[in-house]
């Protein structure tokens, strides 16, 4: 059977209802910056190559990151999911490389 919803659904609300189990973390990968703060367009070769993402939801056994944190991601190893047209990745907490601190 197909679930039909007649109400508008906020994607971030749907993602926050996706609760990973145990030590898993749901992350939305961020696109590299294509323009500097002063408006200069960066060529692809100058764009940041470090894959980062926003933590959307965490499992009950996750200790080092929380929802809203920005993290450095590995290039491989995620389980990819698509929810309401938005792509997310699920990692185990120990696969995450680092937490990115605000300046």
Foldseek 3Di string as FASTA:
>chain_A
DDDDDPDDDDVLVVLLVPADAAQKWKWAKDDWDQADPVGHGDDPVPTDPFIKTATSYGHPNHDDDHHGWIFTADPDDWDWDADPNGIITMDGNVRTDGTDDDD
